[in-house]
Amino acid sequence: MSERFYESEVVRNEMGEMQQLYEDLYNISLKFPTMAKEDKREHIEKTMELIAKQKVFYARISLLALEDEEAREIKLRLDEMTKIYSQGKDINAVLTDMEIKLKQWKNELDKS
């Protein structure tokens, strides 16, 4: 992939933030069923933050794919894998579906 993409301080920071969110969410996911209501809300909000970052990252790689062959190949693989594991949906649809579900869960938490 183009060095310009990964050399960008913004991209590097976002990738680091996504990695940290992945780790944080992984570490607390197993405890989700027994968490206090506020902890569940925080978990949902962190997951929504991660999804937002993933959308931005995908948009960036999509733009770079217009001019960079390696980025185009990576985007194609991402798109193909997403379709395989999501019954043909594209990555933005999958992420949006996840956001909708998380918002529903958060609303249910707020009502209880």
PDB file of N, CA and C in Angstrom:
ATOM      1  N   MET A   1       0.850  -1.174   0.000  1.00  0.00           N
ATOM      2  CA  MET A   1       0.000   0.000   0.000  1.00  0.00           C
ATOM      3  C   MET A   1       0.889   1.227   0.000  1.00  0.00           C
ATOM      4  N   SER A   2       0.389   2.269  -0.508  1.00  0.00           N
ATOM      5  CA  SER A   2       1.108   3.525  -0.579  1.00  0.00           C
ATOM      6  C   SER A   2       1.597   3.936   0.805  1.00  0.00           C
ATOM      7  N   GLU A   3       2.855   4.294   0.854  1.00  0.00           N
ATOM      8  CA  GLU A   3       3.422   4.750   2.120  1.00  0.00           C
ATOM      9  C   GLU A   3       2.700   5.995   2.626  1.00  0.00           C
ATOM     10  N   ARG A   4       2.211   6.805   1.702  1.00  0.00           N
ATOM     11  CA  ARG A   4       1.542   8.040   2.100  1.00  0.00           C
ATOM     12  C   ARG A   4       0.383   7.761   3.047  1.00  0.00           C
ATOM     13  N   PHE A   5      -0.344   6.701   2.797  1.00  0.00           N
ATOM     14  CA  PHE A   5      -1.499   6.374   3.615  1.00  0.00           C
ATOM     15  C   PHE A   5      -1.073   6.062   5.051  1.00  0.00           C
ATOM     16  N   TYR A   6      -0.105   5.170   5.209  1.00  0.00           N
ATOM     17  CA  TYR A   6       0.323   4.784   6.546  1.00  0.00           C
ATOM     18  C   TYR A   6       1.256   5.788   7.203  1.00  0.00           C
ATOM     19  N   GLU A   7       1.861   6.662   6.431  1.00  0.00           N
ATOM     20  CA  GLU A   7       2.724   7.692   7.010  1.00  0.00           C
ATOM     21  C   GLU A   7       1.925   8.845   7.597  1.00  0.00           C
ATOM     22  N   SER A   8       0.694   8.967   7.192  1.00  0.00           N
ATOM     23  CA  SER A   8      -0.141  10.049   7.694  1.00  0.00           C
ATOM     24  C   SER A   8      -0.291   9.923   9.205  1.00  0.00           C
ATOM     25  N   GLU A   9       0.010  11.007   9.894  1.00  0.00           N
ATOM     26  CA  GLU A   9      -0.110  11.007  11.355  1.00  0.00           C
ATOM     27  C   GLU A   9      -1.551  10.741  11.783  1.00  0.00           C
ATOM     28  N   VAL A  10      -2.502  11.285  11.049  1.00  0.00           N
ATOM     29  CA  VAL A  10      -3.912  11.085  11.365  1.00  0.00           C
ATOM     30  C   VAL A  10      -4.267   9.603  11.265  1.00  0.00           C
ATOM     31  N   VAL A  11      -3.841   8.957  10.173  1.00  0.00           N
ATOM     32  CA  VAL A  11      -4.141   7.535   9.975  1.00  0.00           C
ATOM     33  C   VAL A  11      -3.463   6.689  11.050  1.00  0.00           C
ATOM     34  N   ARG A  12      -2.208   6.990  11.330  1.00  0.00           N
ATOM     35  CA  ARG A  12      -1.493   6.222  12.369  1.00  0.00           C
ATOM     36  C   ARG A  12      -2.182   6.372  13.718  1.00  0.00           C
ATOM     37  N   ASN A  13      -2.596   7.592  14.055  1.00  0.00           N
ATOM     38  CA  ASN A  13      -3.291   7.811  15.322  1.00  0.00           C
ATOM     39  C   ASN A  13      -4.612   7.055  15.363  1.00  0.00           C
ATOM     40  N   GLU A  14      -5.361   7.101  14.256  1.00  0.00           N
ATOM     41  CA  GLU A  14      -6.644   6.404  14.211  1.00  0.00           C
ATOM     42  C   GLU A  14      -6.457   4.896  14.314  1.00  0.00           C
ATOM     43  N   MET A  15      -5.440   4.372  13.650  1.00  0.00           N
ATOM     44  CA  MET A  15      -5.181   2.936  13.740  1.00  0.00           C
ATOM     45  C   MET A  15      -4.814   2.545  15.172  1.00  0.00           C
ATOM     46  N   GLY A  16      -4.021   3.373  15.831  1.00  0.00           N
ATOM     47  CA  GLY A  16      -3.672   3.111  17.228  1.00  0.00           C
ATOM     48  C   GLY A  16      -4.894   3.169  18.133  1.00  0.00           C
ATOM     49  N   GLU A  17      -5.765   4.146  17.888  1.00  0.00           N
ATOM     50  CA  GLU A  17      -6.988   4.258  18.688  1.00  0.00           C
ATOM     51  C   GLU A  17      -7.912   3.065  18.448  1.00  0.00           C
ATOM     52  N   MET A  18      -8.029   2.626  17.189  1.00  0.00           N
ATOM     53  CA  MET A  18      -8.864   1.455  16.897  1.00  0.00           C
ATOM     54  C   MET A  18      -8.300   0.216  17.583  1.00  0.00           C
ATOM     55  N   GLN A  19      -6.985   0.046  17.531  1.00  0.00           N
ATOM     56  CA  GLN A  19      -6.361  -1.102  18.187  1.00  0.00           C
ATOM     57  C   GLN A  19      -6.636  -1.080  19.687  1.00  0.00           C
ATOM     58  N   GLN A  20      -6.510   0.086  20.305  1.00  0.00           N
ATOM     59  CA  GLN A  20      -6.764   0.193  21.738  1.00  0.00           C
ATOM     60  C   GLN A  20      -8.225  -0.116  22.058  1.00  0.00           C
ATOM     61  N   LEU A  21      -9.141   0.385  21.237  1.00  0.00           N
ATOM     62  CA  LEU A  21     -10.560   0.088  21.439  1.00  0.00           C
ATOM     63  C   LEU A  21     -10.837  -1.404  21.291  1.00  0.00           C
ATOM     64  N   TYR A  22     -10.246  -2.035  20.274  1.00  0.00           N
ATOM     65  CA  TYR A  22     -10.399  -3.484  20.102  1.00  0.00           C
ATOM     66  C   TYR A  22      -9.958  -4.211  21.368  1.00  0.00           C
ATOM     67  N   GLU A  23      -8.785  -3.844  21.865  1.00  0.00           N
ATOM     68  CA  GLU A  23      -8.251  -4.504  23.062  1.00  0.00           C
ATOM     69  C   GLU A  23      -9.143  -4.270  24.271  1.00  0.00           C
ATOM     70  N   ASP A  24      -9.566  -3.028  24.473  1.00  0.00           N
ATOM     71  CA  ASP A  24     -10.444  -2.710  25.606  1.00  0.00           C
ATOM     72  C   ASP A  24     -11.743  -3.507  25.527  1.00  0.00           C
ATOM     73  N   LEU A  25     -12.341  -3.517  24.355  1.00  0.00           N
ATOM     74  CA  LEU A  25     -13.618  -4.216  24.179  1.00  0.00           C
ATOM     75  C   LEU A  25     -13.449  -5.718  24.348  1.00  0.00           C
ATOM     76  N   TYR A  26     -12.374  -6.253  23.820  1.00  0.00           N
ATOM     77  CA  TYR A  26     -12.119  -7.693  23.969  1.00  0.00           C
ATOM     78  C   TYR A  26     -11.976  -8.064  25.447  1.00  0.00           C
ATOM     79  N   ASN A  27     -11.224  -7.261  26.170  1.00  0.00           N
ATOM     80  CA  ASN A  27     -10.958  -7.562  27.577  1.00  0.00           C
ATOM     81  C   ASN A  27     -12.212  -7.532  28.444  1.00  0.00           C
ATOM     82  N   ILE A  28     -13.204  -6.738  28.075  1.00  0.00           N
ATOM     83  CA  ILE A  28     -14.396  -6.655  28.914  1.00  0.00           C
ATOM     84  C   ILE A  28     -15.602  -7.401  28.334  1.00  0.00           C
ATOM     85  N   SER A  29     -15.499  -7.869  27.092  1.00  0.00           N
ATOM     86  CA  SER A  29     -16.647  -8.514  26.441  1.00  0.00           C
ATOM     87  C   SER A  29     -17.153  -9.746  27.177  1.00  0.00           C
ATOM     88  N   LEU A  30     -16.267 -10.534  27.704  1.00  0.00           N
ATOM     89  CA  LEU A  30     -16.687 -11.763  28.389  1.00  0.00           C
ATOM     90  C   LEU A  30     -17.490 -11.466  29.652  1.00  0.00           C
ATOM     91  N   LYS A  31     -17.289 -10.296  30.221  1.00  0.00           N
ATOM     92  CA  LYS A  31     -17.995  -9.916  31.446  1.00  0.00           C
ATOM     93  C   LYS A  31     -19.304  -9.187  31.168  1.00  0.00           C
ATOM     94  N   PHE A  32     -19.628  -8.959  29.900  1.00  0.00           N
ATOM     95  CA  PHE A  32     -20.790  -8.145  29.555  1.00  0.00           C
ATOM     96  C   PHE A  32     -22.076  -8.587  30.248  1.00  0.00           C
ATOM     97  N   PRO A  33     -22.406  -9.887  30.241  1.00  0.00           N
ATOM     98  CA  PRO A  33     -23.682 -10.290  30.862  1.00  0.00           C
ATOM     99  C   PRO A  33     -23.794  -9.949  32.356  1.00  0.00           C
ATOM    100  N   THR A  34     -22.672  -9.860  33.039  1.00  0.00           N
ATOM    101  CA  THR A  34     -22.711  -9.604  34.477  1.00  0.00           C
ATOM    102  C   THR A  34     -22.358  -8.158  34.846  1.00  0.00           C
ATOM    103  N   MET A  35     -22.194  -7.329  33.843  1.00  0.00           N
ATOM    104  CA  MET A  35     -21.821  -5.933  34.096  1.00  0.00           C
ATOM    105  C   MET A  35     -22.982  -5.130  34.660  1.00  0.00           C
ATOM    106  N   ALA A  36     -22.607  -4.092  35.372  1.00  0.00           N
ATOM    107  CA  ALA A  36     -23.599  -3.118  35.828  1.00  0.00           C
ATOM    108  C   ALA A  36     -24.115  -2.351  34.609  1.00  0.00           C
ATOM    109  N   LYS A  37     -25.278  -1.781  34.754  1.00  0.00           N
ATOM    110  CA  LYS A  37     -25.941  -1.063  33.667  1.00  0.00           C
ATOM    111  C   LYS A  37     -25.037   0.021  33.058  1.00  0.00           C
ATOM    112  N   GLU A  38     -24.399   0.809  33.887  1.00  0.00           N
ATOM    113  CA  GLU A  38     -23.537   1.889  33.389  1.00  0.00           C
ATOM    114  C   GLU A  38     -22.331   1.337  32.637  1.00  0.00           C
ATOM    115  N   ASP A  39     -21.781   0.218  33.099  1.00  0.00           N
ATOM    116  CA  ASP A  39     -20.660  -0.414  32.400  1.00  0.00           C
ATOM    117  C   ASP A  39     -21.097  -0.948  31.036  1.00  0.00           C
ATOM    118  N   LYS A  40     -22.305  -1.500  30.962  1.00  0.00           N
ATOM    119  CA  LYS A  40     -22.834  -1.962  29.677  1.00  0.00           C
ATOM    120  C   LYS A  40     -23.009  -0.789  28.720  1.00  0.00           C
ATOM    121  N   ARG A  41     -23.510   0.315  29.232  1.00  0.00           N
ATOM    122  CA  ARG A  41     -23.698   1.514  28.413  1.00  0.00           C
ATOM    123  C   ARG A  41     -22.339   1.992  27.870  1.00  0.00           C
ATOM    124  N   GLU A  42     -21.336   2.001  28.724  1.00  0.00           N
ATOM    125  CA  GLU A  42     -19.996   2.416  28.305  1.00  0.00           C
ATOM    126  C   GLU A  42     -19.442   1.471  27.237  1.00  0.00           C
ATOM    127  N   HIS A  43     -19.670   0.191  27.409  1.00  0.00           N
ATOM    128  CA  HIS A  43     -19.217  -0.804  26.426  1.00  0.00           C
ATOM    129  C   HIS A  43     -19.878  -0.555  25.069  1.00  0.00           C
ATOM    130  N   ILE A  44     -21.167  -0.301  25.089  1.00  0.00           N
ATOM    131  CA  ILE A  44     -21.902  -0.025  23.849  1.00  0.00           C
ATOM    132  C   ILE A  44     -21.372   1.249  23.195  1.00  0.00           C
ATOM    133  N   GLU A  45     -21.124   2.274  23.979  1.00  0.00           N
ATOM    134  CA  GLU A  45     -20.620   3.532  23.427  1.00  0.00           C
ATOM    135  C   GLU A  45     -19.224   3.359  22.834  1.00  0.00           C
ATOM    136  N   LYS A  46     -18.367   2.580  23.484  1.00  0.00           N
ATOM    137  CA  LYS A  46     -17.031   2.319  22.943  1.00  0.00           C
ATOM    138  C   LYS A  46     -17.126   1.532  21.640  1.00  0.00           C
ATOM    139  N   THR A  47     -18.052   0.601  21.585  1.00  0.00           N
ATOM    140  CA  THR A  47     -18.238  -0.176  20.358  1.00  0.00           C
ATOM    141  C   THR A  47     -18.713   0.730  19.229  1.00  0.00           C
ATOM    142  N   MET A  48     -19.610   1.656  19.544  1.00  0.00           N
ATOM    143  CA  MET A  48     -20.084   2.604  18.536  1.00  0.00           C
ATOM    144  C   MET A  48     -18.952   3.530  18.079  1.00  0.00           C
ATOM    145  N   GLU A  49     -18.082   3.892  18.987  1.00  0.00           N
ATOM    146  CA  GLU A  49     -16.925   4.715  18.636  1.00  0.00           C
ATOM    147  C   GLU A  49     -16.007   3.951  17.679  1.00  0.00           C
ATOM    148  N   LEU A  50     -15.797   2.674  17.962  1.00  0.00           N
ATOM    149  CA  LEU A  50     -14.972   1.845  17.090  1.00  0.00           C
ATOM    150  C   LEU A  50     -15.589   1.745  15.697  1.00  0.00           C
ATOM    151  N   ILE A  51     -16.880   1.542  15.623  1.00  0.00           N
ATOM    152  CA  ILE A  51     -17.558   1.453  14.328  1.00  0.00           C
ATOM    153  C   ILE A  51     -17.385   2.757  13.550  1.00  0.00           C
ATOM    154  N   ALA A  52     -17.517   3.878  14.216  1.00  0.00           N
ATOM    155  CA  ALA A  52     -17.341   5.170  13.541  1.00  0.00           C
ATOM    156  C   ALA A  52     -15.928   5.284  12.978  1.00  0.00           C
ATOM    157  N   LYS A  53     -14.945   4.863  13.732  1.00  0.00           N
ATOM    158  CA  LYS A  53     -13.561   4.906  13.266  1.00  0.00           C
ATOM    159  C   LYS A  53     -13.347   3.952  12.096  1.00  0.00           C
ATOM    160  N   GLN A  54     -13.993   2.797  12.138  1.00  0.00           N
ATOM    161  CA  GLN A  54     -13.875   1.842  11.038  1.00  0.00           C
ATOM    162  C   GLN A  54     -14.472   2.422   9.757  1.00  0.00           C
ATOM    163  N   LYS A  55     -15.572   3.132   9.881  1.00  0.00           N
ATOM    164  CA  LYS A  55     -16.186   3.767   8.705  1.00  0.00           C
ATOM    165  C   LYS A  55     -15.249   4.801   8.089  1.00  0.00           C
ATOM    166  N   VAL A  56     -14.628   5.604   8.925  1.00  0.00           N
ATOM    167  CA  VAL A  56     -13.694   6.618   8.423  1.00  0.00           C
ATOM    168  C   VAL A  56     -12.496   5.936   7.759  1.00  0.00           C
ATOM    169  N   PHE A  57     -11.968   4.913   8.395  1.00  0.00           N
ATOM    170  CA  PHE A  57     -10.821   4.192   7.842  1.00  0.00           C
ATOM    171  C   PHE A  57     -11.175   3.594   6.482  1.00  0.00           C
ATOM    172  N   TYR A  58     -12.345   2.982   6.387  1.00  0.00           N
ATOM    173  CA  TYR A  58     -12.772   2.387   5.122  1.00  0.00           C
ATOM    174  C   TYR A  58     -12.958   3.463   4.050  1.00  0.00           C
ATOM    175  N   ALA A  59     -13.489   4.602   4.425  1.00  0.00           N
ATOM    176  CA  ALA A  59     -13.645   5.698   3.461  1.00  0.00           C
ATOM    177  C   ALA A  59     -12.284   6.154   2.954  1.00  0.00           C
ATOM    178  N   ARG A  60     -11.323   6.233   3.833  1.00  0.00           N
ATOM    179  CA  ARG A  60      -9.979   6.648   3.420  1.00  0.00           C
ATOM    180  C   ARG A  60      -9.356   5.642   2.466  1.00  0.00           C
ATOM    181  N   ILE A  61      -9.462   4.372   2.792  1.00  0.00           N
ATOM    182  CA  ILE A  61      -8.867   3.356   1.915  1.00  0.00           C
ATOM    183  C   ILE A  61      -9.609   3.299   0.585  1.00  0.00           C
ATOM    184  N   SER A  62     -10.898   3.580   0.605  1.00  0.00           N
ATOM    185  CA  SER A  62     -11.680   3.613  -0.640  1.00  0.00           C
ATOM    186  C   SER A  62     -11.202   4.742  -1.544  1.00  0.00           C
ATOM    187  N   LEU A  63     -10.935   5.889  -0.968  1.00  0.00           N
ATOM    188  CA  LEU A  63     -10.425   7.014  -1.749  1.00  0.00           C
ATOM    189  C   LEU A  63      -9.028   6.718  -2.301  1.00  0.00           C
ATOM    190  N   LEU A  64      -8.186   6.150  -1.473  1.00  0.00           N
ATOM    191  CA  LEU A  64      -6.836   5.819  -1.915  1.00  0.00           C
ATOM    192  C   LEU A  64      -6.871   4.755  -3.011  1.00  0.00           C
ATOM    193  N   ALA A  65      -7.844   3.857  -2.944  1.00  0.00           N
ATOM    194  CA  ALA A  65      -7.959   2.791  -3.944  1.00  0.00           C
ATOM    195  C   ALA A  65      -8.210   3.337  -5.341  1.00  0.00           C
ATOM    196  N   LEU A  66      -8.676   4.556  -5.440  1.00  0.00           N
ATOM    197  CA  LEU A  66      -8.899   5.170  -6.746  1.00  0.00           C
ATOM    198  C   LEU A  66      -7.592   5.421  -7.489  1.00  0.00           C
ATOM    199  N   GLU A  67      -6.487   5.544  -6.737  1.00  0.00           N
ATOM    200  CA  GLU A  67      -5.211   5.877  -7.368  1.00  0.00           C
ATOM    201  C   GLU A  67      -4.085   4.908  -7.035  1.00  0.00           C
ATOM    202  N   ASP A  68      -4.314   3.978  -6.125  1.00  0.00           N
ATOM    203  CA  ASP A  68      -3.243   3.103  -5.666  1.00  0.00           C
ATOM    204  C   ASP A  68      -3.671   1.642  -5.838  1.00  0.00           C
ATOM    205  N   GLU A  69      -2.893   0.886  -6.616  1.00  0.00           N
ATOM    206  CA  GLU A  69      -3.242  -0.497  -6.933  1.00  0.00           C
ATOM    207  C   GLU A  69      -3.287  -1.385  -5.683  1.00  0.00           C
ATOM    208  N   GLU A  70      -2.316  -1.241  -4.807  1.00  0.00           N
ATOM    209  CA  GLU A  70      -2.291  -2.077  -3.602  1.00  0.00           C
ATOM    210  C   GLU A  70      -3.500  -1.777  -2.707  1.00  0.00           C
ATOM    211  N   ALA A  71      -3.841  -0.514  -2.563  1.00  0.00           N
ATOM    212  CA  ALA A  71      -5.020  -0.134  -1.783  1.00  0.00           C
ATOM    213  C   ALA A  71      -6.279  -0.706  -2.425  1.00  0.00           C
ATOM    214  N   ARG A  72      -6.316  -0.694  -3.746  1.00  0.00           N
ATOM    215  CA  ARG A  72      -7.467  -1.238  -4.471  1.00  0.00           C
ATOM    216  C   ARG A  72      -7.614  -2.740  -4.182  1.00  0.00           C
ATOM    217  N   GLU A  73      -6.497  -3.456  -4.156  1.00  0.00           N
ATOM    218  CA  GLU A  73      -6.531  -4.892  -3.864  1.00  0.00           C
ATOM    219  C   GLU A  73      -6.979  -5.160  -2.432  1.00  0.00           C
ATOM    220  N   ILE A  74      -6.491  -4.372  -1.498  1.00  0.00           N
ATOM    221  CA  ILE A  74      -6.885  -4.552  -0.098  1.00  0.00           C
ATOM    222  C   ILE A  74      -8.370  -4.241   0.069  1.00  0.00           C
ATOM    223  N   LYS A  75      -8.832  -3.179  -0.547  1.00  0.00           N
ATOM    224  CA  LYS A  75     -10.254  -2.835  -0.483  1.00  0.00           C
ATOM    225  C   LYS A  75     -11.095  -3.953  -1.080  1.00  0.00           C
ATOM    226  N   LEU A  76     -10.661  -4.499  -2.208  1.00  0.00           N
ATOM    227  CA  LEU A  76     -11.384  -5.595  -2.844  1.00  0.00           C
ATOM    228  C   LEU A  76     -11.475  -6.810  -1.915  1.00  0.00           C
ATOM    229  N   ARG A  77     -10.369  -7.134  -1.254  1.00  0.00           N
ATOM    230  CA  ARG A  77     -10.380  -8.276  -0.306  1.00  0.00           C
ATOM    231  C   ARG A  77     -11.296  -7.992   0.881  1.00  0.00           C
ATOM    232  N   LEU A  78     -11.240  -6.767   1.394  1.00  0.00           N
ATOM    233  CA  LEU A  78     -12.142  -6.396   2.490  1.00  0.00           C
ATOM    234  C   LEU A  78     -13.602  -6.543   2.060  1.00  0.00           C
ATOM    235  N   ASP A  79     -13.905  -6.041   0.869  1.00  0.00           N
ATOM    236  CA  ASP A  79     -15.269  -6.120   0.351  1.00  0.00           C
ATOM    237  C   ASP A  79     -15.710  -7.570   0.165  1.00  0.00           C
ATOM    238  N   GLU A  80     -14.826  -8.395  -0.383  1.00  0.00           N
ATOM    239  CA  GLU A  80     -15.169  -9.798  -0.614  1.00  0.00           C
ATOM    240  C   GLU A  80     -15.398 -10.546   0.699  1.00  0.00           C
ATOM    241  N   MET A  81     -14.517 -10.331   1.664  1.00  0.00           N
ATOM    242  CA  MET A  81     -14.656 -11.005   2.960  1.00  0.00           C
ATOM    243  C   MET A  81     -15.922 -10.556   3.682  1.00  0.00           C
ATOM    244  N   THR A  82     -16.216  -9.276   3.589  1.00  0.00           N
ATOM    245  CA  THR A  82     -17.427  -8.763   4.229  1.00  0.00           C
ATOM    246  C   THR A  82     -18.651  -9.420   3.623  1.00  0.00           C
ATOM    247  N   LYS A  83     -18.694  -9.517   2.310  1.00  0.00           N
ATOM    248  CA  LYS A  83     -19.846 -10.124   1.637  1.00  0.00           C
ATOM    249  C   LYS A  83     -19.994 -11.592   2.008  1.00  0.00           C
ATOM    250  N   ILE A  84     -18.888 -12.300   2.130  1.00  0.00           N
ATOM    251  CA  ILE A  84     -18.936 -13.722   2.498  1.00  0.00           C
ATOM    252  C   ILE A  84     -19.559 -13.902   3.880  1.00  0.00           C
ATOM    253  N   TYR A  85     -19.150 -13.074   4.824  1.00  0.00           N
ATOM    254  CA  TYR A  85     -19.593 -13.238   6.206  1.00  0.00           C
ATOM    255  C   TYR A  85     -20.845 -12.458   6.562  1.00  0.00           C
ATOM    256  N   SER A  86     -21.429 -11.752   5.588  1.00  0.00           N
ATOM    257  CA  SER A  86     -22.618 -10.950   5.908  1.00  0.00           C
ATOM    258  C   SER A  86     -23.755 -11.158   4.906  1.00  0.00           C
ATOM    259  N   GLN A  87     -23.761 -12.293   4.269  1.00  0.00           N
ATOM    260  CA  GLN A  87     -24.807 -12.621   3.298  1.00  0.00           C
ATOM    261  C   GLN A  87     -24.909 -11.576   2.191  1.00  0.00           C
ATOM    262  N   GLY A  88     -23.759 -11.116   1.701  1.00  0.00           N
ATOM    263  CA  GLY A  88     -23.724 -10.245   0.546  1.00  0.00           C
ATOM    264  C   GLY A  88     -23.757  -8.756   0.808  1.00  0.00           C
ATOM    265  N   LYS A  89     -23.812  -8.339   2.058  1.00  0.00           N
ATOM    266  CA  LYS A  89     -23.855  -6.900   2.361  1.00  0.00           C
ATOM    267  C   LYS A  89     -22.468  -6.278   2.195  1.00  0.00           C
ATOM    268  N   ASP A  90     -22.461  -4.975   1.929  1.00  0.00           N
ATOM    269  CA  ASP A  90     -21.176  -4.283   1.895  1.00  0.00           C
ATOM    270  C   ASP A  90     -20.809  -3.831   3.304  1.00  0.00           C
ATOM    271  N   ILE A  91     -19.568  -3.431   3.459  1.00  0.00           N
ATOM    272  CA  ILE A  91     -19.053  -3.127   4.792  1.00  0.00           C
ATOM    273  C   ILE A  91     -19.802  -1.971   5.464  1.00  0.00           C
ATOM    274  N   ASN A  92     -20.173  -0.952   4.696  1.00  0.00           N
ATOM    275  CA  ASN A  92     -20.907   0.168   5.304  1.00  0.00           C
ATOM    276  C   ASN A  92     -22.280  -0.279   5.800  1.00  0.00           C
ATOM    277  N   ALA A  93     -22.939  -1.160   5.055  1.00  0.00           N
ATOM    278  CA  ALA A  93     -24.242  -1.675   5.494  1.00  0.00           C
ATOM    279  C   ALA A  93     -24.093  -2.497   6.769  1.00  0.00           C
ATOM    280  N   VAL A  94     -23.050  -3.306   6.837  1.00  0.00           N
ATOM    281  CA  VAL A  94     -22.806  -4.118   8.033  1.00  0.00           C
ATOM    282  C   VAL A  94     -22.559  -3.217   9.239  1.00  0.00           C
ATOM    283  N   LEU A  95     -21.717  -2.221   9.066  1.00  0.00           N
ATOM    284  CA  LEU A  95     -21.413  -1.316  10.180  1.00  0.00           C
ATOM    285  C   LEU A  95     -22.645  -0.512  10.599  1.00  0.00           C
ATOM    286  N   THR A  96     -23.439  -0.090   9.642  1.00  0.00           N
ATOM    287  CA  THR A  96     -24.674   0.643   9.962  1.00  0.00           C
ATOM    288  C   THR A  96     -25.653  -0.263  10.701  1.00  0.00           C
ATOM    289  N   ASP A  97     -25.788  -1.511  10.253  1.00  0.00           N
ATOM    290  CA  ASP A  97     -26.654  -2.466  10.964  1.00  0.00           C
ATOM    291  C   ASP A  97     -26.194  -2.644  12.405  1.00  0.00           C
ATOM    292  N   MET A  98     -24.884  -2.712  12.605  1.00  0.00           N
ATOM    293  CA  MET A  98     -24.346  -2.858  13.956  1.00  0.00           C
ATOM    294  C   MET A  98     -24.682  -1.632  14.800  1.00  0.00           C
ATOM    295  N   GLU A  99     -24.546  -0.454  14.224  1.00  0.00           N
ATOM    296  CA  GLU A  99     -24.889   0.782  14.948  1.00  0.00           C
ATOM    297  C   GLU A  99     -26.355   0.784  15.358  1.00  0.00           C
ATOM    298  N   ILE A 100     -27.222   0.392  14.448  1.00  0.00           N
ATOM    299  CA  ILE A 100     -28.662   0.359  14.748  1.00  0.00           C
ATOM    300  C   ILE A 100     -28.930  -0.587  15.909  1.00  0.00           C
ATOM    301  N   LYS A 101     -28.332  -1.773  15.867  1.00  0.00           N
ATOM    302  CA  LYS A 101     -28.543  -2.759  16.930  1.00  0.00           C
ATOM    303  C   LYS A 101     -28.005  -2.234  18.271  1.00  0.00           C
ATOM    304  N   LEU A 102     -26.839  -1.631  18.241  1.00  0.00           N
ATOM    305  CA  LEU A 102     -26.265  -1.092  19.473  1.00  0.00           C
ATOM    306  C   LEU A 102     -27.128   0.023  20.055  1.00  0.00           C
ATOM    307  N   LYS A 103     -27.679   0.873  19.195  1.00  0.00           N
ATOM    308  CA  LYS A 103     -28.562   1.946  19.670  1.00  0.00           C
ATOM    309  C   LYS A 103     -29.820   1.355  20.304  1.00  0.00           C
ATOM    310  N   GLN A 104     -30.339   0.282  19.714  1.00  0.00           N
ATOM    311  CA  GLN A 104     -31.505  -0.384  20.289  1.00  0.00           C
ATOM    312  C   GLN A 104     -31.176  -0.936  21.675  1.00  0.00           C
ATOM    313  N   TRP A 105     -30.019  -1.580  21.803  1.00  0.00           N
ATOM    314  CA  TRP A 105     -29.603  -2.132  23.091  1.00  0.00           C
ATOM    315  C   TRP A 105     -29.431  -1.018  24.118  1.00  0.00           C
ATOM    316  N   LYS A 106     -28.845   0.094  23.680  1.00  0.00           N
ATOM    317  CA  LYS A 106     -28.642   1.219  24.592  1.00  0.00           C
ATOM    318  C   LYS A 106     -29.988   1.777  25.042  1.00  0.00           C
ATOM    319  N   ASN A 107     -30.945   1.910  24.123  1.00  0.00           N
ATOM    320  CA  ASN A 107     -32.290   2.383  24.481  1.00  0.00           C
ATOM    321  C   ASN A 107     -32.946   1.430  25.463  1.00  0.00           C
ATOM    322  N   GLU A 108     -32.801   0.143  25.256  1.00  0.00           N
ATOM    323  CA  GLU A 108     -33.361  -0.847  26.177  1.00  0.00           C
ATOM    324  C   GLU A 108     -32.739  -0.719  27.574  1.00  0.00           C
ATOM    325  N   LEU A 109     -31.431  -0.483  27.606  1.00  0.00           N
ATOM    326  CA  LEU A 109     -30.748  -0.265  28.894  1.00  0.00           C
ATOM    327  C   LEU A 109     -31.282   0.974  29.589  1.00  0.00           C
ATOM    328  N   ASP A 110     -31.471   2.024  28.820  1.00  0.00           N
ATOM    329  CA  ASP A 110     -31.962   3.279  29.393  1.00  0.00           C
ATOM    330  C   ASP A 110     -33.374   3.128  29.944  1.00  0.00           C
ATOM    331  N   LYS A 111     -34.186   2.273  29.342  1.00  0.00           N
ATOM    332  CA  LYS A 111     -35.555   2.070  29.793  1.00  0.00           C
ATOM    333  C   LYS A 111     -35.645   1.179  31.029  1.00  0.00           C
ATOM    334  N   SER A 112     -34.643   0.328  31.205  1.00  0.00           N
ATOM    335  CA  SER A 112     -34.721  -0.615  32.340  1.00  0.00           C
ATOM    336  C   SER A 112     -34.225  -0.015  33.638  1.00  0.00           C
TER     337      SER A 112
END
